[in-house]
Amino acid sequence: MSTGKFRVIIVGAGPVGLYMAHAMQQANIEFVILEQQKSVLAQSGQILFVWPHTVRLFEQIGVFEE
């Protein structure tokens, strides 16, 4: 079995995709994020819902710390 470097493809730049990108960066693993949207959506009265387990992941990496 080869033990060479590998790349990870992350599909989607939503909350979990960005969490995975952070984890890959911390582990020094090369990755690329594939996202369908061409730009960040403008906030126009939209609500972002984040599942509790995703909030726990974000807490682990310090997203909510000042």
PDB file of N, CA and C in Angstrom:
ATOM      1  N   MET A   1       0.841  -1.179   0.000  1.00  0.00           N
ATOM      2  CA  MET A   1       0.000   0.000   0.000  1.00  0.00           C
ATOM      3  C   MET A   1       0.888   1.245   0.000  1.00  0.00           C
ATOM      4  N   SER A   2       0.538   2.218  -0.802  1.00  0.00           N
ATOM      5  CA  SER A   2       1.292   3.458  -0.892  1.00  0.00           C
ATOM      6  C   SER A   2       1.009   4.346   0.318  1.00  0.00           C
ATOM      7  N   THR A   3       2.043   4.996   0.809  1.00  0.00           N
ATOM      8  CA  THR A   3       1.867   5.924   1.925  1.00  0.00           C
ATOM      9  C   THR A   3       2.207   7.347   1.499  1.00  0.00           C
ATOM     10  N   GLY A   4       2.095   7.634   0.204  1.00  0.00           N
ATOM     11  CA  GLY A   4       2.399   8.960  -0.310  1.00  0.00           C
ATOM     12  C   GLY A   4       1.346   9.976   0.077  1.00  0.00           C
ATOM     13  N   LYS A   5       1.602  11.226  -0.314  1.00  0.00           N
ATOM     14  CA  LYS A   5       0.648  12.289  -0.022  1.00  0.00           C
ATOM     15  C   LYS A   5      -0.628  12.080  -0.823  1.00  0.00           C
ATOM     16  N   PHE A   6      -1.702  12.581  -0.294  1.00  0.00           N
ATOM     17  CA  PHE A   6      -2.973  12.509  -0.993  1.00  0.00           C
ATOM     18  C   PHE A   6      -3.694  13.832  -0.835  1.00  0.00           C
ATOM     19  N   ARG A   7      -4.726  14.040  -1.626  1.00  0.00           N
ATOM     20  CA  ARG A   7      -5.544  15.251  -1.578  1.00  0.00           C
ATOM     21  C   ARG A   7      -6.965  14.866  -1.220  1.00  0.00           C
ATOM     22  N   VAL A   8      -7.631  15.765  -0.550  1.00  0.00           N
ATOM     23  CA  VAL A   8      -9.015  15.550  -0.149  1.00  0.00           C
ATOM     24  C   VAL A   8      -9.890  16.521  -0.923  1.00  0.00           C
ATOM     25  N   ILE A   9     -11.026  16.034  -1.408  1.00  0.00           N
ATOM     26  CA  ILE A   9     -12.020  16.885  -2.054  1.00  0.00           C
ATOM     27  C   ILE A   9     -13.159  17.080  -1.063  1.00  0.00           C
ATOM     28  N   ILE A  10     -13.459  18.334  -0.746  1.00  0.00           N
ATOM     29  CA  ILE A  10     -14.581  18.672   0.129  1.00  0.00           C
ATOM     30  C   ILE A  10     -15.669  19.248  -0.759  1.00  0.00           C
ATOM     31  N   VAL A  11     -16.832  18.621  -0.745  1.00  0.00           N
ATOM     32  CA  VAL A  11     -17.935  19.057  -1.597  1.00  0.00           C
ATOM     33  C   VAL A  11     -18.873  19.919  -0.765  1.00  0.00           C
ATOM     34  N   GLY A  12     -18.912  21.202  -1.083  1.00  0.00           N
ATOM     35  CA  GLY A  12     -19.794  22.134  -0.395  1.00  0.00           C
ATOM     36  C   GLY A  12     -19.058  22.970   0.633  1.00  0.00           C
ATOM     37  N   ALA A  13     -19.295  24.278   0.595  1.00  0.00           N
ATOM     38  CA  ALA A  13     -18.655  25.202   1.533  1.00  0.00           C
ATOM     39  C   ALA A  13     -19.640  25.665   2.596  1.00  0.00           C
ATOM     40  N   GLY A  14     -20.501  24.747   3.010  1.00  0.00           N
ATOM     41  CA  GLY A  14     -21.406  25.040   4.118  1.00  0.00           C
ATOM     42  C   GLY A  14     -20.660  24.902   5.430  1.00  0.00           C
ATOM     43  N   PRO A  15     -21.379  24.954   6.543  1.00  0.00           N
ATOM     44  CA  PRO A  15     -20.721  24.878   7.851  1.00  0.00           C
ATOM     45  C   PRO A  15     -19.840  23.641   8.029  1.00  0.00           C
ATOM     46  N   VAL A  16     -20.319  22.485   7.645  1.00  0.00           N
ATOM     47  CA  VAL A  16     -19.535  21.260   7.842  1.00  0.00           C
ATOM     48  C   VAL A  16     -18.366  21.193   6.860  1.00  0.00           C
ATOM     49  N   GLY A  17     -18.576  21.634   5.625  1.00  0.00           N
ATOM     50  CA  GLY A  17     -17.479  21.662   4.659  1.00  0.00           C
ATOM     51  C   GLY A  17     -16.347  22.565   5.117  1.00  0.00           C
ATOM     52  N   LEU A  18     -16.700  23.727   5.669  1.00  0.00           N
ATOM     53  CA  LEU A  18     -15.674  24.637   6.168  1.00  0.00           C
ATOM     54  C   LEU A  18     -14.993  24.080   7.411  1.00  0.00           C
ATOM     55  N   TYR A  19     -15.747  23.367   8.244  1.00  0.00           N
ATOM     56  CA  TYR A  19     -15.138  22.699   9.403  1.00  0.00           C
ATOM     57  C   TYR A  19     -14.107  21.673   8.926  1.00  0.00           C
ATOM     58  N   MET A  20     -14.483  20.893   7.915  1.00  0.00           N
ATOM     59  CA  MET A  20     -13.556  19.888   7.388  1.00  0.00           C
ATOM     60  C   MET A  20     -12.312  20.547   6.791  1.00  0.00           C
ATOM     61  N   ALA A  21     -12.497  21.679   6.116  1.00  0.00           N
ATOM     62  CA  ALA A  21     -11.348  22.397   5.563  1.00  0.00           C
ATOM     63  C   ALA A  21     -10.404  22.823   6.686  1.00  0.00           C
ATOM     64  N   HIS A  22     -10.970  23.288   7.784  1.00  0.00           N
ATOM     65  CA  HIS A  22     -10.148  23.670   8.937  1.00  0.00           C
ATOM     66  C   HIS A  22      -9.382  22.458   9.468  1.00  0.00           C
ATOM     67  N   ALA A  23     -10.075  21.329   9.597  1.00  0.00           N
ATOM     68  CA  ALA A  23      -9.437  20.108  10.103  1.00  0.00           C
ATOM     69  C   ALA A  23      -8.311  19.652   9.171  1.00  0.00           C
ATOM     70  N   MET A  24      -8.540  19.727   7.868  1.00  0.00           N
ATOM     71  CA  MET A  24      -7.506  19.331   6.907  1.00  0.00           C
ATOM     72  C   MET A  24      -6.303  20.265   7.009  1.00  0.00           C
ATOM     73  N   GLN A  25      -6.561  21.559   7.150  1.00  0.00           N
ATOM     74  CA  GLN A  25      -5.472  22.531   7.281  1.00  0.00           C
ATOM     75  C   GLN A  25      -4.646  22.244   8.533  1.00  0.00           C
ATOM     76  N   GLN A  26      -5.321  21.970   9.650  1.00  0.00           N
ATOM     77  CA  GLN A  26      -4.625  21.681  10.903  1.00  0.00           C
ATOM     78  C   GLN A  26      -3.783  20.408  10.790  1.00  0.00           C
ATOM     79  N   ALA A  27      -4.247  19.438  10.001  1.00  0.00           N
ATOM     80  CA  ALA A  27      -3.527  18.170   9.825  1.00  0.00           C
ATOM     81  C   ALA A  27      -2.502  18.242   8.695  1.00  0.00           C
ATOM     82  N   ASN A  28      -2.375  19.426   8.083  1.00  0.00           N
ATOM     83  CA  ASN A  28      -1.435  19.630   6.981  1.00  0.00           C
ATOM     84  C   ASN A  28      -1.726  18.697   5.806  1.00  0.00           C
ATOM     85  N   ILE A  29      -3.021  18.521   5.521  1.00  0.00           N
ATOM     86  CA  ILE A  29      -3.470  17.692   4.401  1.00  0.00           C
ATOM     87  C   ILE A  29      -3.972  18.612   3.297  1.00  0.00           C
ATOM     88  N   GLU A  30      -3.504  18.372   2.092  1.00  0.00           N
ATOM     89  CA  GLU A  30      -3.907  19.189   0.954  1.00  0.00           C
ATOM     90  C   GLU A  30      -5.365  18.909   0.612  1.00  0.00           C
ATOM     91  N   PHE A  31      -6.134  19.972   0.332  1.00  0.00           N
ATOM     92  CA  PHE A  31      -7.555  19.801   0.028  1.00  0.00           C
ATOM     93  C   PHE A  31      -8.014  20.861  -0.957  1.00  0.00           C
ATOM     94  N   VAL A  32      -9.169  20.612  -1.541  1.00  0.00           N
ATOM     95  CA  VAL A  32      -9.840  21.589  -2.388  1.00  0.00           C
ATOM     96  C   VAL A  32     -11.321  21.546  -2.020  1.00  0.00           C
ATOM     97  N   ILE A  33     -11.961  22.716  -2.019  1.00  0.00           N
ATOM     98  CA  ILE A  33     -13.395  22.797  -1.743  1.00  0.00           C
ATOM     99  C   ILE A  33     -14.112  23.050  -3.061  1.00  0.00           C
ATOM    100  N   LEU A  34     -15.103  22.228  -3.357  1.00  0.00           N
ATOM    101  CA  LEU A  34     -15.941  22.425  -4.536  1.00  0.00           C
ATOM    102  C   LEU A  34     -17.278  22.984  -4.069  1.00  0.00           C
ATOM    103  N   GLU A  35     -17.658  24.138  -4.598  1.00  0.00           N
ATOM    104  CA  GLU A  35     -18.900  24.793  -4.194  1.00  0.00           C
ATOM    105  C   GLU A  35     -19.679  25.188  -5.435  1.00  0.00           C
ATOM    106  N   GLN A  36     -20.970  24.933  -5.415  1.00  0.00           N
ATOM    107  CA  GLN A  36     -21.826  25.224  -6.562  1.00  0.00           C
ATOM    108  C   GLN A  36     -22.054  26.725  -6.745  1.00  0.00           C
ATOM    109  N   GLN A  37     -22.194  27.455  -5.644  1.00  0.00           N
ATOM    110  CA  GLN A  37     -22.446  28.895  -5.727  1.00  0.00           C
ATOM    111  C   GLN A  37     -21.198  29.618  -6.220  1.00  0.00           C
ATOM    112  N   LYS A  38     -21.388  30.628  -7.054  1.00  0.00           N
ATOM    113  CA  LYS A  38     -20.256  31.374  -7.591  1.00  0.00           C
ATOM    114  C   LYS A  38     -19.748  32.438  -6.631  1.00  0.00           C
ATOM    115  N   SER A  39     -20.596  32.859  -5.702  1.00  0.00           N
ATOM    116  CA  SER A  39     -20.189  33.870  -4.734  1.00  0.00           C
ATOM    117  C   SER A  39     -20.961  33.659  -3.437  1.00  0.00           C
ATOM    118  N   VAL A  40     -20.538  34.386  -2.421  1.00  0.00           N
ATOM    119  CA  VAL A  40     -21.233  34.319  -1.142  1.00  0.00           C
ATOM    120  C   VAL A  40     -22.604  34.955  -1.318  1.00  0.00           C
ATOM    121  N   LEU A  41     -23.625  34.294  -0.808  1.00  0.00           N
ATOM    122  CA  LEU A  41     -24.975  34.840  -0.925  1.00  0.00           C
ATOM    123  C   LEU A  41     -25.127  36.060  -0.032  1.00  0.00           C
ATOM    124  N   ALA A  42     -25.765  37.093  -0.566  1.00  0.00           N
ATOM    125  CA  ALA A  42     -26.012  38.301   0.224  1.00  0.00           C
ATOM    126  C   ALA A  42     -27.046  38.002   1.300  1.00  0.00           C
ATOM    127  N   GLN A  43     -26.868  38.613   2.442  1.00  0.00           N
ATOM    128  CA  GLN A  43     -27.833  38.421   3.521  1.00  0.00           C
ATOM    129  C   GLN A  43     -29.006  39.359   3.291  1.00  0.00           C
ATOM    130  N   SER A  44     -30.138  38.792   2.972  1.00  0.00           N
ATOM    131  CA  SER A  44     -31.333  39.603   2.734  1.00  0.00           C
ATOM    132  C   SER A  44     -32.500  38.996   3.495  1.00  0.00           C
ATOM    133  N   GLY A  45     -32.393  39.018   4.808  1.00  0.00           N
ATOM    134  CA  GLY A  45     -33.467  38.489   5.631  1.00  0.00           C
ATOM    135  C   GLY A  45     -33.470  36.975   5.741  1.00  0.00           C
ATOM    136  N   GLN A  46     -32.382  36.329   5.335  1.00  0.00           N
ATOM    137  CA  GLN A  46     -32.317  34.876   5.412  1.00  0.00           C
ATOM    138  C   GLN A  46     -31.901  34.453   6.810  1.00  0.00           C
ATOM    139  N   ILE A  47     -32.308  33.265   7.195  1.00  0.00           N
ATOM    140  CA  ILE A  47     -31.950  32.713   8.493  1.00  0.00           C
ATOM    141  C   ILE A  47     -31.002  31.549   8.267  1.00  0.00           C
ATOM    142  N   LEU A  48     -29.928  31.517   9.037  1.00  0.00           N
ATOM    143  CA  LEU A  48     -28.994  30.397   8.979  1.00  0.00           C
ATOM    144  C   LEU A  48     -29.254  29.509  10.178  1.00  0.00           C
ATOM    145  N   PHE A  49     -29.557  28.258   9.923  1.00  0.00           N
ATOM    146  CA  PHE A  49     -29.779  27.296  10.998  1.00  0.00           C
ATOM    147  C   PHE A  49     -28.583  26.371  11.050  1.00  0.00           C
ATOM    148  N   VAL A  50     -28.038  26.205  12.241  1.00  0.00           N
ATOM    149  CA  VAL A  50     -26.903  25.305  12.426  1.00  0.00           C
ATOM    150  C   VAL A  50     -27.314  24.244  13.437  1.00  0.00           C
ATOM    151  N   TRP A  51     -27.195  22.995  13.064  1.00  0.00           N
ATOM    152  CA  TRP A  51     -27.574  21.887  13.935  1.00  0.00           C
ATOM    153  C   TRP A  51     -26.714  21.863  15.193  1.00  0.00           C
ATOM    154  N   PRO A  52     -27.266  21.391  16.311  1.00  0.00           N
ATOM    155  CA  PRO A  52     -26.503  21.353  17.572  1.00  0.00           C
ATOM    156  C   PRO A  52     -25.175  20.602  17.472  1.00  0.00           C
ATOM    157  N   HIS A  53     -25.129  19.497  16.743  1.00  0.00           N
ATOM    158  CA  HIS A  53     -23.857  18.772  16.638  1.00  0.00           C
ATOM    159  C   HIS A  53     -22.820  19.580  15.863  1.00  0.00           C
ATOM    160  N   THR A  54     -23.263  20.418  14.926  1.00  0.00           N
ATOM    161  CA  THR A  54     -22.336  21.287  14.202  1.00  0.00           C
ATOM    162  C   THR A  54     -21.816  22.378  15.133  1.00  0.00           C
ATOM    163  N   VAL A  55     -22.688  22.894  15.993  1.00  0.00           N
ATOM    164  CA  VAL A  55     -22.263  23.892  16.975  1.00  0.00           C
ATOM    165  C   VAL A  55     -21.189  23.299  17.886  1.00  0.00           C
ATOM    166  N   ARG A  56     -21.352  22.051  18.295  1.00  0.00           N
ATOM    167  CA  ARG A  56     -20.341  21.401  19.146  1.00  0.00           C
ATOM    168  C   ARG A  56     -19.000  21.299  18.419  1.00  0.00           C
ATOM    169  N   LEU A  57     -19.041  20.969  17.136  1.00  0.00           N
ATOM    170  CA  LEU A  57     -17.794  20.914  16.361  1.00  0.00           C
ATOM    171  C   LEU A  57     -17.128  22.288  16.326  1.00  0.00           C
ATOM    172  N   PHE A  58     -17.918  23.329  16.091  1.00  0.00           N
ATOM    173  CA  PHE A  58     -17.371  24.684  16.047  1.00  0.00           C
ATOM    174  C   PHE A  58     -16.787  25.087  17.395  1.00  0.00           C
ATOM    175  N   GLU A  59     -17.445  24.688  18.483  1.00  0.00           N
ATOM    176  CA  GLU A  59     -16.917  24.983  19.817  1.00  0.00           C
ATOM    177  C   GLU A  59     -15.547  24.334  20.013  1.00  0.00           C
ATOM    178  N   GLN A  60     -15.371  23.124  19.496  1.00  0.00           N
ATOM    179  CA  GLN A  60     -14.105  22.405  19.654  1.00  0.00           C
ATOM    180  C   GLN A  60     -12.937  23.121  18.986  1.00  0.00           C
ATOM    181  N   ILE A  61     -13.205  23.848  17.918  1.00  0.00           N
ATOM    182  CA  ILE A  61     -12.114  24.533  17.216  1.00  0.00           C
ATOM    183  C   ILE A  61     -12.067  26.026  17.541  1.00  0.00           C
ATOM    184  N   GLY A  62     -12.891  26.474  18.492  1.00  0.00           N
ATOM    185  CA  GLY A  62     -12.804  27.850  18.973  1.00  0.00           C
ATOM    186  C   GLY A  62     -13.480  28.899  18.125  1.00  0.00           C
ATOM    187  N   VAL A  63     -14.471  28.532  17.327  1.00  0.00           N
ATOM    188  CA  VAL A  63     -15.149  29.500  16.466  1.00  0.00           C
ATOM    189  C   VAL A  63     -15.831  30.601  17.281  1.00  0.00           C
ATOM    190  N   PHE A  64     -16.355  30.268  18.439  1.00  0.00           N
ATOM    191  CA  PHE A  64     -17.139  31.227  19.214  1.00  0.00           C
ATOM    192  C   PHE A  64     -16.314  31.997  20.240  1.00  0.00           C
ATOM    193  N   GLU A  65     -15.017  31.757  20.290  1.00  0.00           N
ATOM    194  CA  GLU A  65     -14.164  32.483  21.228  1.00  0.00           C
ATOM    195  C   GLU A  65     -13.862  33.874  20.689  1.00  0.00           C
ATOM    196  N   GLU A  66     -13.702  34.812  21.585  1.00  0.00           N
ATOM    197  CA  GLU A  66     -13.388  36.185  21.158  1.00  0.00           C
ATOM    198  C   GLU A  66     -11.904  36.389  21.059  1.00  0.00           C
TER     199      GLU A  66
END
